Amino acid sequence: MPRANRKTLTGTDTDVLLVGGGIMSATLASLLATLEPSWRIEIHERRDGLAQESSNPWNNAGTGHAALCELNYTPERADGSIDITKAVRINEQFELSRELWHYLAAKGRLPQGAGFLSSTPHMTFVRGAEGVDFLRRRHEALSRHPLFSELEFTTDPEQVRAWAPLLVEDRPADEPIAATRAAAGTDVDFGALTRAMVDDVVSRGASLHLESEVTRLRRRADGTWRVTVRDRRWNGHRRARTFTTRFVFIGAGGGALGLLQKSRIREIKGYAGFPISGQFLRTTNPDVVREHHAKVYGRAEIGAPPMSVPHLDTRVSRCSPRSCSARTRAGA
């Protein structure tokens, strides 16, 4: 949201209101609690728990978008060369996130070890002569950059089998295939990370409100915000309260668009949203899980949207009572 005039920021009920209980609000709350420890921070989540939507570890790939395996970050130019600009930028951003997590862990504010970050190689897999040629050129372009210098490439089915056996099982022996592998890849349990970050900021004075839905917000003449929140608890009688805040951050996933429209900020004009969906198959069969320890991204068909990229993921989740240890997930 636009910055309010500091000279008029007096008499508000809170300094920052964060809408949504996912990784975005958790990260911003952590940064604010570190840089502005005197600020009053409130987090409002309409559901009865944190990280239940996009930040839920089974609702995202857990790659952290490090650009080690995602082909849509390295488009092919008209002259046949591979543009790695976006991949480099995204990898740099992910490394900044890791620096933040390391800092918080070193200060005792996040769990050490594998509480939310696990070593999991990132792979890209293609088939067909054209796909093999593209992946070879992509590897040549990326591996020249220091961030991707350890990226491995192979067209040998036996090497692919050694990396990820399920990729070559029952595959025709004469089908051209290729793969790249980044052994230093990770799996991020964003659900566990969200909960750990919020626990930390709450211990530092922030307040968390679950089953609390922001229904209206309006910017006042002095630059502060008047916000209406509805209590969604079964025994809350749907009560609503209105208060003022200096800043509002909307990290509400699919609910963000409607709130931004209600805010009437200039930047929301012209934006629209549309639903996306996918199908995920998950197994906890230990015999299958033992055969696959990698995050593998394929190549979408020409003209298909980015969300249609097929992938076969190893996910690691230790913090949810209903989904512990390693699992394998396939999606398209």
C-alpha atoms as a PDB file:
ATOM      1  CA  MET A   1       0.000   0.000   0.000  1.00  0.00           C
ATOM      2  CA  PRO A   2       1.175   3.608  -0.523  1.00  0.00           C
ATOM      3  CA  ARG A   3       3.172   5.106   2.330  1.00  0.00           C
ATOM      4  CA  ALA A   4       1.177   7.356   4.626  1.00  0.00           C
ATOM      5  CA  ASN A   5       2.353  10.802   5.702  1.00  0.00           C
ATOM      6  CA  ARG A   6       4.479  10.258   8.817  1.00  0.00           C
ATOM      7  CA  LYS A   7       3.461  13.608  10.287  1.00  0.00           C
ATOM      8  CA  THR A   8      -0.162  12.483  10.617  1.00  0.00           C
ATOM      9  CA  LEU A   9       0.396   8.920  11.882  1.00  0.00           C
ATOM     10  CA  THR A  10      -0.856   9.395  15.411  1.00  0.00           C
ATOM     11  CA  GLY A  11      -3.702   7.772  17.272  1.00  0.00           C
ATOM     12  CA  THR A  12      -3.915   4.584  15.185  1.00  0.00           C
ATOM     13  CA  ASP A  13      -4.833   1.273  16.806  1.00  0.00           C
ATOM     14  CA  THR A  14      -1.924  -0.557  15.178  1.00  0.00           C
ATOM     15  CA  ASP A  15       0.989   0.187  12.873  1.00  0.00           C
ATOM     16  CA  VAL A  16       0.773  -2.655  10.356  1.00  0.00           C
ATOM     17  CA  LEU A  17      -2.061  -5.008   9.479  1.00  0.00           C
ATOM     18  CA  LEU A  18      -1.095  -8.092   7.465  1.00  0.00           C
ATOM     19  CA  VAL A  19      -3.957  -9.820   5.681  1.00  0.00           C
ATOM     20  CA  GLY A  20      -3.423 -13.558   5.179  1.00  0.00           C
ATOM     21  CA  GLY A  21      -1.610 -16.201   7.199  1.00  0.00           C
ATOM     22  CA  GLY A  22       0.780 -17.503   4.542  1.00  0.00           C
ATOM     23  CA  ILE A  23       4.465 -17.210   3.760  1.00  0.00           C
ATOM     24  CA  MET A  24       4.202 -13.670   2.361  1.00  0.00           C
ATOM     25  CA  SER A  25       2.702 -12.164   5.511  1.00  0.00           C
ATOM     26  CA  ALA A  26       4.997 -14.277   7.697  1.00  0.00           C
ATOM     27  CA  THR A  27       8.099 -13.048   5.857  1.00  0.00           C
ATOM     28  CA  LEU A  28       7.087  -9.395   5.975  1.00  0.00           C
ATOM     29  CA  ALA A  29       6.165  -9.701   9.653  1.00  0.00           C
ATOM     30  CA  SER A  30       9.583 -11.203  10.363  1.00  0.00           C
ATOM     31  CA  LEU A  31      11.363  -8.394   8.539  1.00  0.00           C
ATOM     32  CA  LEU A  32       9.322  -5.708  10.300  1.00  0.00           C
ATOM     33  CA  ALA A  33       9.834  -7.281  13.727  1.00  0.00           C
ATOM     34  CA  THR A  34      13.574  -7.181  13.047  1.00  0.00           C
ATOM     35  CA  LEU A  35      13.870  -3.707  11.522  1.00  0.00           C
ATOM     36  CA  GLU A  36      11.068  -1.922  13.430  1.00  0.00           C
ATOM     37  CA  PRO A  37      10.742  -3.793  16.754  1.00  0.00           C
ATOM     38  CA  SER A  38       8.582  -1.067  18.289  1.00  0.00           C
ATOM     39  CA  TRP A  39       5.846  -1.343  15.648  1.00  0.00           C
ATOM     40  CA  ARG A  40       2.515  -2.918  16.521  1.00  0.00           C
ATOM     41  CA  ILE A  41       1.868  -5.773  14.079  1.00  0.00           C
ATOM     42  CA  GLU A  42      -1.382  -7.693  13.565  1.00  0.00           C
ATOM     43  CA  ILE A  43      -1.863 -10.739  11.307  1.00  0.00           C
ATOM     44  CA  HIS A  44      -5.416 -11.651  10.288  1.00  0.00           C
ATOM     45  CA  GLU A  45      -6.213 -15.018   8.675  1.00  0.00           C
ATOM     46  CA  ARG A  46      -9.763 -15.951   7.686  1.00  0.00           C
ATOM     47  CA  ARG A  47      -9.195 -19.706   8.146  1.00  0.00           C
ATOM     48  CA  ASP A  48      -8.613 -21.549  11.427  1.00  0.00           C
ATOM     49  CA  GLY A  49      -4.888 -22.107  10.907  1.00  0.00           C
ATOM     50  CA  LEU A  50      -1.808 -20.768   9.192  1.00  0.00           C
ATOM     51  CA  ALA A  51      -0.492 -21.808   5.769  1.00  0.00           C
ATOM     52  CA  GLN A  52      -3.589 -23.729   4.719  1.00  0.00           C
ATOM     53  CA  GLU A  53      -3.750 -22.511   1.133  1.00  0.00           C
ATOM     54  CA  SER A  54      -0.845 -21.738  -1.241  1.00  0.00           C
ATOM     55  CA  SER A  55       1.754 -22.054   1.529  1.00  0.00           C
ATOM     56  CA  ASN A  56       0.558 -25.528   2.447  1.00  0.00           C
ATOM     57  CA  PRO A  57       3.443 -27.868   1.503  1.00  0.00           C
ATOM     58  CA  TRP A  58       1.137 -30.046  -0.612  1.00  0.00           C
ATOM     59  CA  ASN A  59      -0.204 -27.085  -2.576  1.00  0.00           C
ATOM     60  CA  ASN A  60       3.133 -25.935  -4.009  1.00  0.00           C
ATOM     61  CA  ALA A  61       6.201 -27.620  -5.455  1.00  0.00           C
ATOM     62  CA  GLY A  62       8.552 -26.589  -2.656  1.00  0.00           C
ATOM     63  CA  THR A  63      11.329 -25.656  -5.103  1.00  0.00           C
ATOM     64  CA  GLY A  64      11.454 -22.118  -3.778  1.00  0.00           C
ATOM     65  CA  HIS A  65      11.598 -21.122  -7.456  1.00  0.00           C
ATOM     66  CA  ALA A  66      15.388 -21.363  -7.559  1.00  0.00           C
ATOM     67  CA  ALA A  67      15.332 -21.632 -11.409  1.00  0.00           C
ATOM     68  CA  LEU A  68      17.426 -24.802 -11.312  1.00  0.00           C
ATOM     69  CA  CYS A  69      14.794 -26.908 -13.059  1.00  0.00           C
ATOM     70  CA  GLU A  70      12.008 -24.633 -14.336  1.00  0.00           C
ATOM     71  CA  LEU A  71      12.208 -24.399 -18.127  1.00  0.00           C
ATOM     72  CA  ASN A  72       9.814 -21.453 -18.412  1.00  0.00           C
ATOM     73  CA  TYR A  73      12.496 -19.233 -16.818  1.00  0.00           C
ATOM     74  CA  THR A  74      14.869 -19.813 -19.760  1.00  0.00           C
ATOM     75  CA  PRO A  75      12.991 -18.968 -22.987  1.00  0.00           C
ATOM     76  CA  GLU A  76      14.474 -19.518 -26.422  1.00  0.00           C
ATOM     77  CA  ARG A  77      15.207 -16.395 -28.455  1.00  0.00           C
ATOM     78  CA  ALA A  78      14.370 -16.075 -32.147  1.00  0.00           C
ATOM     79  CA  ASP A  79      17.984 -16.792 -33.075  1.00  0.00           C
ATOM     80  CA  GLY A  80      17.979 -20.077 -31.124  1.00  0.00           C
ATOM     81  CA  SER A  81      19.989 -18.814 -28.164  1.00  0.00           C
ATOM     82  CA  ILE A  82      18.747 -19.299 -24.607  1.00  0.00           C
ATOM     83  CA  ASP A  83      17.904 -16.263 -22.472  1.00  0.00           C
ATOM     84  CA  ILE A  84      19.010 -16.956 -18.867  1.00  0.00           C
ATOM     85  CA  THR A  85      18.304 -13.446 -17.540  1.00  0.00           C
ATOM     86  CA  LYS A  86      15.168 -14.383 -15.629  1.00  0.00           C
ATOM     87  CA  ALA A  87      16.680 -17.595 -14.261  1.00  0.00           C
ATOM     88  CA  VAL A  88      19.663 -15.700 -12.837  1.00  0.00           C
ATOM     89  CA  ARG A  89      17.445 -13.042 -11.264  1.00  0.00           C
ATOM     90  CA  ILE A  90      15.166 -15.637  -9.656  1.00  0.00           C
ATOM     91  CA  ASN A  91      18.075 -17.698  -8.343  1.00  0.00           C
ATOM     92  CA  GLU A  92      19.594 -14.575  -6.789  1.00  0.00           C
ATOM     93  CA  GLN A  93      16.271 -13.806  -5.101  1.00  0.00           C
ATOM     94  CA  PHE A  94      16.053 -17.332  -3.694  1.00  0.00           C
ATOM     95  CA  GLU A  95      19.582 -17.032  -2.319  1.00  0.00           C
ATOM     96  CA  LEU A  96      18.518 -13.816  -0.549  1.00  0.00           C
ATOM     97  CA  SER A  97      15.642 -15.756   1.034  1.00  0.00           C
ATOM     98  CA  ARG A  98      18.086 -18.408   2.221  1.00  0.00           C
ATOM     99  CA  GLU A  99      20.291 -15.701   3.721  1.00  0.00           C
ATOM    100  CA  LEU A 100      17.310 -14.384   5.678  1.00  0.00           C
ATOM    101  CA  TRP A 101      16.411 -17.873   6.934  1.00  0.00           C
ATOM    102  CA  HIS A 102      20.032 -18.525   7.907  1.00  0.00           C
ATOM    103  CA  TYR A 103      20.177 -15.235   9.811  1.00  0.00           C
ATOM    104  CA  LEU A 104      16.975 -15.987  11.712  1.00  0.00           C
ATOM    105  CA  ALA A 105      18.129 -19.544  12.498  1.00  0.00           C
ATOM    106  CA  ALA A 106      21.518 -18.280  13.710  1.00  0.00           C
ATOM    107  CA  LYS A 107      19.692 -15.895  16.054  1.00  0.00           C
ATOM    108  CA  GLY A 108      17.570 -18.753  17.419  1.00  0.00           C
ATOM    109  CA  ARG A 109      14.427 -17.410  15.780  1.00  0.00           C
ATOM    110  CA  LEU A 110      13.933 -20.338  13.366  1.00  0.00           C
ATOM    111  CA  PRO A 111      14.572 -24.056  13.930  1.00  0.00           C
ATOM    112  CA  GLN A 112      18.042 -25.259  13.016  1.00  0.00           C
ATOM    113  CA  GLY A 113      18.608 -28.296  10.821  1.00  0.00           C
ATOM    114  CA  ALA A 114      15.868 -29.753   8.624  1.00  0.00           C
ATOM    115  CA  GLY A 115      12.889 -28.069  10.224  1.00  0.00           C
ATOM    116  CA  PHE A 116      11.734 -26.642   6.900  1.00  0.00           C
ATOM    117  CA  LEU A 117      14.633 -26.975   4.422  1.00  0.00           C
ATOM    118  CA  SER A 118      15.784 -30.332   3.064  1.00  0.00           C
ATOM    119  CA  SER A 119      18.457 -31.254   0.525  1.00  0.00           C
ATOM    120  CA  THR A 120      16.646 -32.455  -2.616  1.00  0.00           C
ATOM    121  CA  PRO A 121      18.214 -32.405  -6.100  1.00  0.00           C
ATOM    122  CA  HIS A 122      16.437 -30.396  -8.797  1.00  0.00           C
ATOM    123  CA  MET A 123      16.171 -32.010 -12.235  1.00  0.00           C
ATOM    124  CA  THR A 124      14.808 -31.179 -15.674  1.00  0.00           C
ATOM    125  CA  PHE A 125      13.743 -34.056 -17.915  1.00  0.00           C
ATOM    126  CA  VAL A 126      12.872 -33.920 -21.632  1.00  0.00           C
ATOM    127  CA  ARG A 127      12.207 -36.435 -24.381  1.00  0.00           C
ATOM    128  CA  GLY A 128      12.402 -36.357 -28.153  1.00  0.00           C
ATOM    129  CA  ALA A 129      15.231 -35.041 -30.332  1.00  0.00           C
ATOM    130  CA  GLU A 130      13.998 -31.443 -30.249  1.00  0.00           C
ATOM    131  CA  GLY A 131      13.653 -31.466 -26.461  1.00  0.00           C
ATOM    132  CA  VAL A 132      17.140 -32.964 -26.044  1.00  0.00           C
ATOM    133  CA  ASP A 133      18.649 -30.279 -28.269  1.00  0.00           C
ATOM    134  CA  PHE A 134      16.884 -27.513 -26.335  1.00  0.00           C
ATOM    135  CA  LEU A 135      18.022 -28.849 -22.959  1.00  0.00           C
ATOM    136  CA  ARG A 136      21.623 -29.179 -24.172  1.00  0.00           C
ATOM    137  CA  ARG A 137      21.646 -25.539 -25.295  1.00  0.00           C
ATOM    138  CA  ARG A 138      19.999 -24.486 -22.035  1.00  0.00           C
ATOM    139  CA  HIS A 139      22.636 -26.318 -20.017  1.00  0.00           C
ATOM    140  CA  GLU A 140      25.462 -24.751 -22.033  1.00  0.00           C
ATOM    141  CA  ALA A 141      24.074 -21.253 -21.421  1.00  0.00           C
ATOM    142  CA  LEU A 142      23.348 -21.719 -17.722  1.00  0.00           C
ATOM    143  CA  SER A 143      26.499 -23.584 -16.756  1.00  0.00           C
ATOM    144  CA  ARG A 144      28.649 -20.647 -17.872  1.00  0.00           C
ATOM    145  CA  HIS A 145      27.153 -18.594 -15.035  1.00  0.00           C
ATOM    146  CA  PRO A 146      28.657 -19.058 -11.526  1.00  0.00           C
ATOM    147  CA  LEU A 147      25.247 -19.684  -9.951  1.00  0.00           C
ATOM    148  CA  PHE A 148      24.660 -22.676 -12.244  1.00  0.00           C
ATOM    149  CA  SER A 149      28.239 -23.911 -12.772  1.00  0.00           C
ATOM    150  CA  GLU A 150      27.577 -27.253 -11.063  1.00  0.00           C
ATOM    151  CA  LEU A 151      24.516 -28.096 -13.184  1.00  0.00           C
ATOM    152  CA  GLU A 152      24.981 -31.585 -14.695  1.00  0.00           C
ATOM    153  CA  PHE A 153      23.696 -32.755 -18.100  1.00  0.00           C
ATOM    154  CA  THR A 154      23.264 -36.232 -19.570  1.00  0.00           C
ATOM    155  CA  THR A 155      21.600 -38.067 -22.442  1.00  0.00           C
ATOM    156  CA  ASP A 156      22.558 -41.470 -21.008  1.00  0.00           C
ATOM    157  CA  PRO A 157      19.466 -43.391 -19.799  1.00  0.00           C
ATOM    158  CA  GLU A 158      21.577 -45.257 -17.245  1.00  0.00           C
ATOM    159  CA  GLN A 159      22.773 -42.003 -15.726  1.00  0.00           C
ATOM    160  CA  VAL A 160      19.181 -40.763 -15.581  1.00  0.00           C
ATOM    161  CA  ARG A 161      18.269 -44.056 -13.910  1.00  0.00           C
ATOM    162  CA  ALA A 162      20.975 -43.492 -11.297  1.00  0.00           C
ATOM    163  CA  TRP A 163      19.580 -40.029 -10.591  1.00  0.00           C
ATOM    164  CA  ALA A 164      15.854 -40.856 -10.657  1.00  0.00           C
ATOM    165  CA  PRO A 165      14.893 -44.466 -11.572  1.00  0.00           C
ATOM    166  CA  LEU A 166      11.184 -43.755 -12.043  1.00  0.00           C
ATOM    167  CA  LEU A 167      11.926 -41.513 -15.047  1.00  0.00           C
ATOM    168  CA  VAL A 168      13.180 -44.376 -17.211  1.00  0.00           C
ATOM    169  CA  GLU A 169      11.029 -47.221 -15.944  1.00  0.00           C
ATOM    170  CA  ASP A 170       9.010 -48.770 -18.831  1.00  0.00           C
ATOM    171  CA  ARG A 171      10.276 -46.101 -21.244  1.00  0.00           C
ATOM    172  CA  PRO A 172      11.075 -47.162 -24.873  1.00  0.00           C
ATOM    173  CA  ALA A 173      14.799 -47.853 -25.239  1.00  0.00           C
ATOM    174  CA  ASP A 174      15.017 -45.945 -28.533  1.00  0.00           C
ATOM    175  CA  GLU A 175      13.374 -42.747 -27.273  1.00  0.00           C
ATOM    176  CA  PRO A 176      15.857 -39.825 -27.047  1.00  0.00           C
ATOM    177  CA  ILE A 177      15.894 -38.388 -23.506  1.00  0.00           C
ATOM    178  CA  ALA A 178      18.012 -35.911 -21.590  1.00  0.00           C
ATOM    179  CA  ALA A 179      18.168 -34.542 -18.068  1.00  0.00           C
ATOM    180  CA  THR A 180      19.939 -31.918 -16.029  1.00  0.00           C
ATOM    181  CA  ARG A 181      20.556 -32.201 -12.311  1.00  0.00           C
ATOM    182  CA  ALA A 182      21.427 -29.662  -9.619  1.00  0.00           C
ATOM    183  CA  ALA A 183      22.531 -31.715  -6.617  1.00  0.00           C
ATOM    184  CA  ALA A 184      22.444 -28.647  -4.350  1.00  0.00           C
ATOM    185  CA  GLY A 185      18.682 -28.150  -4.789  1.00  0.00           C
ATOM    186  CA  THR A 186      16.333 -28.021  -1.822  1.00  0.00           C
ATOM    187  CA  ASP A 187      12.788 -28.821  -0.792  1.00  0.00           C
ATOM    188  CA  VAL A 188      11.150 -26.039   1.218  1.00  0.00           C
ATOM    189  CA  ASP A 189       8.271 -26.835   3.557  1.00  0.00           C
ATOM    190  CA  PHE A 190       6.670 -23.404   3.380  1.00  0.00           C
ATOM    191  CA  GLY A 191       3.975 -24.456   5.823  1.00  0.00           C
ATOM    192  CA  ALA A 192       6.498 -25.233   8.552  1.00  0.00           C
ATOM    193  CA  LEU A 193       8.452 -22.092   7.701  1.00  0.00           C
ATOM    194  CA  THR A 194       5.328 -19.929   7.913  1.00  0.00           C
ATOM    195  CA  ARG A 195       4.365 -21.294  11.310  1.00  0.00           C
ATOM    196  CA  ALA A 196       7.898 -20.890  12.667  1.00  0.00           C
ATOM    197  CA  MET A 197       8.144 -17.297  11.464  1.00  0.00           C
ATOM    198  CA  VAL A 198       4.765 -16.356  12.900  1.00  0.00           C
ATOM    199  CA  ASP A 199       5.562 -18.048  16.220  1.00  0.00           C
ATOM    200  CA  ASP A 200       8.703 -15.925  16.376  1.00  0.00           C
ATOM    201  CA  VAL A 201       7.016 -12.583  15.654  1.00  0.00           C
ATOM    202  CA  VAL A 202       4.186 -13.359  18.086  1.00  0.00           C
ATOM    203  CA  SER A 203       6.794 -14.009  20.782  1.00  0.00           C
ATOM    204  CA  ARG A 204       8.117 -10.526  19.972  1.00  0.00           C
ATOM    205  CA  GLY A 205       4.777  -8.826  20.492  1.00  0.00           C
ATOM    206  CA  ALA A 206       2.858  -9.260  17.242  1.00  0.00           C
ATOM    207  CA  SER A 207      -0.729 -10.503  17.478  1.00  0.00           C
ATOM    208  CA  LEU A 208      -2.225 -13.333  15.418  1.00  0.00           C
ATOM    209  CA  HIS A 209      -5.969 -13.484  14.743  1.00  0.00           C
ATOM    210  CA  LEU A 210      -7.318 -16.678  13.182  1.00  0.00           C
ATOM    211  CA  GLU A 211     -10.816 -16.954  11.712  1.00  0.00           C
ATOM    212  CA  SER A 212     -10.636 -13.207  11.308  1.00  0.00           C
ATOM    213  CA  GLU A 213     -11.682 -11.863   7.918  1.00  0.00           C
ATOM    214  CA  VAL A 214     -10.941  -8.376   6.610  1.00  0.00           C
ATOM    215  CA  THR A 215     -14.110  -7.305   4.829  1.00  0.00           C
ATOM    216  CA  ARG A 216     -13.528  -3.625   4.160  1.00  0.00           C
ATOM    217  CA  LEU A 217     -10.707  -1.106   4.049  1.00  0.00           C
ATOM    218  CA  ARG A 218     -10.678   2.564   3.234  1.00  0.00           C
ATOM    219  CA  ARG A 219      -7.866   5.060   3.128  1.00  0.00           C
ATOM    220  CA  ARG A 220      -8.496   8.174   5.189  1.00  0.00           C
ATOM    221  CA  ALA A 221      -7.530  11.748   4.389  1.00  0.00           C
ATOM    222  CA  ASP A 222      -4.513  11.610   6.704  1.00  0.00           C
ATOM    223  CA  GLY A 223      -3.085   8.562   4.878  1.00  0.00           C
ATOM    224  CA  THR A 224      -4.001   5.969   7.482  1.00  0.00           C
ATOM    225  CA  TRP A 225      -6.424   3.114   6.885  1.00  0.00           C
ATOM    226  CA  ARG A 226      -9.782   2.285   8.407  1.00  0.00           C
ATOM    227  CA  VAL A 227     -10.281  -1.492   8.360  1.00  0.00           C
ATOM    228  CA  THR A 228     -13.296  -3.645   9.191  1.00  0.00           C
ATOM    229  CA  VAL A 229     -12.694  -7.211  10.396  1.00  0.00           C
ATOM    230  CA  ARG A 230     -15.317  -9.918  10.906  1.00  0.00           C
ATOM    231  CA  ASP A 231     -14.991 -12.638  13.533  1.00  0.00           C
ATOM    232  CA  ARG A 232     -15.632 -15.977  11.764  1.00  0.00           C
ATOM    233  CA  ARG A 233     -15.396 -18.240  14.833  1.00  0.00           C
ATOM    234  CA  TRP A 234     -18.412 -20.444  15.484  1.00  0.00           C
ATOM    235  CA  ASN A 235     -18.918 -18.756  18.860  1.00  0.00           C
ATOM    236  CA  GLY A 236     -17.935 -15.321  17.654  1.00  0.00           C
ATOM    237  CA  HIS A 237     -21.477 -14.358  16.635  1.00  0.00           C
ATOM    238  CA  ARG A 238     -20.013 -12.964  13.396  1.00  0.00           C
ATOM    239  CA  ARG A 239     -19.052  -9.811  15.248  1.00  0.00           C
ATOM    240  CA  ALA A 240     -17.277  -7.088  13.285  1.00  0.00           C
ATOM    241  CA  ARG A 241     -14.893  -4.470  14.582  1.00  0.00           C
ATOM    242  CA  THR A 242     -13.369  -1.457  12.898  1.00  0.00           C
ATOM    243  CA  PHE A 243      -9.971   0.012  13.685  1.00  0.00           C
ATOM    244  CA  THR A 244      -7.241   2.156  12.156  1.00  0.00           C
ATOM    245  CA  THR A 245      -3.769   1.221  11.019  1.00  0.00           C
ATOM    246  CA  ARG A 246      -0.833   2.993   9.446  1.00  0.00           C
ATOM    247  CA  PHE A 247      -0.102   0.370   6.782  1.00  0.00           C
ATOM    248  CA  VAL A 248      -1.938  -2.568   5.228  1.00  0.00           C
ATOM    249  CA  PHE A 249      -0.311  -5.511   3.433  1.00  0.00           C
ATOM    250  CA  ILE A 250      -2.588  -7.830   1.476  1.00  0.00           C
ATOM    251  CA  GLY A 251      -1.086 -11.287   1.118  1.00  0.00           C
ATOM    252  CA  ALA A 252      -4.396 -13.100   0.931  1.00  0.00           C
ATOM    253  CA  GLY A 253      -3.760 -15.270  -2.143  1.00  0.00           C
ATOM    254  CA  GLY A 254      -6.952 -15.684  -4.124  1.00  0.00           C
ATOM    255  CA  GLY A 255      -8.759 -13.221  -1.875  1.00  0.00           C
ATOM    256  CA  ALA A 256      -6.304 -10.402  -2.539  1.00  0.00           C
ATOM    257  CA  LEU A 257      -7.921  -9.066  -5.716  1.00  0.00           C
ATOM    258  CA  GLY A 258     -11.263  -8.277  -4.088  1.00  0.00           C
ATOM    259  CA  LEU A 259      -9.621  -6.511  -1.160  1.00  0.00           C
ATOM    260  CA  LEU A 260      -7.376  -4.490  -3.436  1.00  0.00           C
ATOM    261  CA  GLN A 261     -10.444  -3.407  -5.399  1.00  0.00           C
ATOM    262  CA  LYS A 262     -12.137  -2.355  -2.166  1.00  0.00           C
ATOM    263  CA  SER A 263      -9.059  -0.336  -1.234  1.00  0.00           C
ATOM    264  CA  ARG A 264      -9.533   1.780  -4.379  1.00  0.00           C
ATOM    265  CA  ILE A 265      -5.826   2.288  -4.818  1.00  0.00           C
ATOM    266  CA  ARG A 266      -4.882   3.570  -8.247  1.00  0.00           C
ATOM    267  CA  GLU A 267      -2.665   0.578  -9.054  1.00  0.00           C
ATOM    268  CA  ILE A 268      -5.555  -1.933  -9.019  1.00  0.00           C
ATOM    269  CA  LYS A 269      -7.233  -0.493 -12.106  1.00  0.00           C
ATOM    270  CA  GLY A 270      -7.138  -2.877 -15.046  1.00  0.00           C
ATOM    271  CA  TYR A 271      -6.356  -6.008 -13.023  1.00  0.00           C
ATOM    272  CA  ALA A 272      -8.450  -9.160 -13.145  1.00  0.00           C
ATOM    273  CA  GLY A 273      -8.117 -12.720 -11.937  1.00  0.00           C
ATOM    274  CA  PHE A 274      -9.034 -16.190 -13.098  1.00  0.00           C
ATOM    275  CA  PRO A 275      -9.011 -19.573 -11.351  1.00  0.00           C
ATOM    276  CA  ILE A 276      -6.355 -22.172 -12.057  1.00  0.00           C
ATOM    277  CA  SER A 277      -6.377 -25.803 -11.114  1.00  0.00           C
ATOM    278  CA  GLY A 278      -4.351 -28.953 -11.468  1.00  0.00           C
ATOM    279  CA  GLN A 279      -4.332 -32.588 -10.569  1.00  0.00           C
ATOM    280  CA  PHE A 280      -1.876 -33.991  -8.060  1.00  0.00           C
ATOM    281  CA  LEU A 281      -1.312 -37.638  -7.259  1.00  0.00           C
ATOM    282  CA  ARG A 282       0.436 -38.404  -3.974  1.00  0.00           C
ATOM    283  CA  THR A 283       1.921 -41.614  -2.671  1.00  0.00           C
ATOM    284  CA  THR A 284       3.241 -42.591   0.728  1.00  0.00           C
ATOM    285  CA  ASN A 285       4.242 -46.067  -0.446  1.00  0.00           C
ATOM    286  CA  PRO A 286       7.818 -46.460   0.862  1.00  0.00           C
ATOM    287  CA  ASP A 287       8.782 -48.715  -2.066  1.00  0.00           C
ATOM    288  CA  VAL A 288       7.894 -45.937  -4.519  1.00  0.00           C
ATOM    289  CA  VAL A 289       9.352 -43.147  -2.400  1.00  0.00           C
ATOM    290  CA  ARG A 290      12.698 -44.949  -2.168  1.00  0.00           C
ATOM    291  CA  GLU A 291      12.929 -44.913  -5.972  1.00  0.00           C
ATOM    292  CA  HIS A 292      12.639 -41.155  -6.305  1.00  0.00           C
ATOM    293  CA  HIS A 293      14.602 -38.464  -4.512  1.00  0.00           C
ATOM    294  CA  ALA A 294      14.450 -35.372  -6.692  1.00  0.00           C
ATOM    295  CA  LYS A 295      12.262 -32.558  -7.938  1.00  0.00           C
ATOM    296  CA  VAL A 296      11.817 -33.178 -11.645  1.00  0.00           C
ATOM    297  CA  TYR A 297      10.252 -30.665 -14.029  1.00  0.00           C
ATOM    298  CA  GLY A 298       9.314 -31.530 -17.583  1.00  0.00           C
ATOM    299  CA  ARG A 299       8.437 -29.418 -20.587  1.00  0.00           C
ATOM    300  CA  ALA A 300       4.914 -28.238 -21.278  1.00  0.00           C
ATOM    301  CA  GLU A 301       3.424 -28.742 -24.713  1.00  0.00           C
ATOM    302  CA  ILE A 302       3.664 -25.769 -27.078  1.00  0.00           C
ATOM    303  CA  GLY A 303       0.931 -23.260 -26.254  1.00  0.00           C
ATOM    304  CA  ALA A 304       0.205 -24.725 -22.819  1.00  0.00           C
ATOM    305  CA  PRO A 305       0.167 -22.329 -19.829  1.00  0.00           C
ATOM    306  CA  PRO A 306       3.114 -22.455 -17.385  1.00  0.00           C
ATOM    307  CA  MET A 307       1.013 -24.139 -14.702  1.00  0.00           C
ATOM    308  CA  SER A 308       0.636 -27.188 -16.960  1.00  0.00           C
ATOM    309  CA  VAL A 309       4.308 -28.163 -16.661  1.00  0.00           C
ATOM    310  CA  PRO A 310       4.427 -31.845 -15.654  1.00  0.00           C
ATOM    311  CA  HIS A 311       6.519 -32.637 -12.622  1.00  0.00           C
ATOM    312  CA  LEU A 312       7.403 -35.487 -10.287  1.00  0.00           C
ATOM    313  CA  ASP A 313       8.372 -34.175  -6.870  1.00  0.00           C
ATOM    314  CA  THR A 314       9.868 -35.463  -3.703  1.00  0.00           C
ATOM    315  CA  ARG A 315       8.293 -33.518  -0.843  1.00  0.00           C
ATOM    316  CA  VAL A 316       9.557 -33.525   2.731  1.00  0.00           C
ATOM    317  CA  SER A 317       7.195 -32.531   5.529  1.00  0.00           C
ATOM    318  CA  ARG A 318       7.915 -33.054   9.187  1.00  0.00           C
ATOM    319  CA  CYS A 319       5.759 -30.510  10.944  1.00  0.00           C
ATOM    320  CA  SER A 320       2.204 -31.480  10.041  1.00  0.00           C
ATOM    321  CA  PRO A 321       0.653 -34.165  12.276  1.00  0.00           C
ATOM    322  CA  ARG A 322      -1.209 -35.597   9.281  1.00  0.00           C
ATOM    323  CA  SER A 323       1.615 -35.633   6.749  1.00  0.00           C
ATOM    324  CA  CYS A 324       5.059 -36.503   8.020  1.00  0.00           C
ATOM    325  CA  SER A 325       8.288 -37.695   6.382  1.00  0.00           C
ATOM    326  CA  ALA A 326       9.038 -37.909   2.670  1.00  0.00           C
ATOM    327  CA  ARG A 327       6.409 -38.308  -0.027  1.00  0.00           C
ATOM    328  CA  THR A 328       6.401 -38.348  -3.805  1.00  0.00           C
ATOM    329  CA  ARG A 329       3.951 -36.166  -5.733  1.00  0.00           C
ATOM    330  CA  ALA A 330       3.182 -36.146  -9.427  1.00  0.00           C
ATOM    331  CA  GLY A 331       1.425 -33.227 -11.028  1.00  0.00           C
ATOM    332  CA  ALA A 332       0.554 -31.669 -14.334  1.00  0.00           C
END
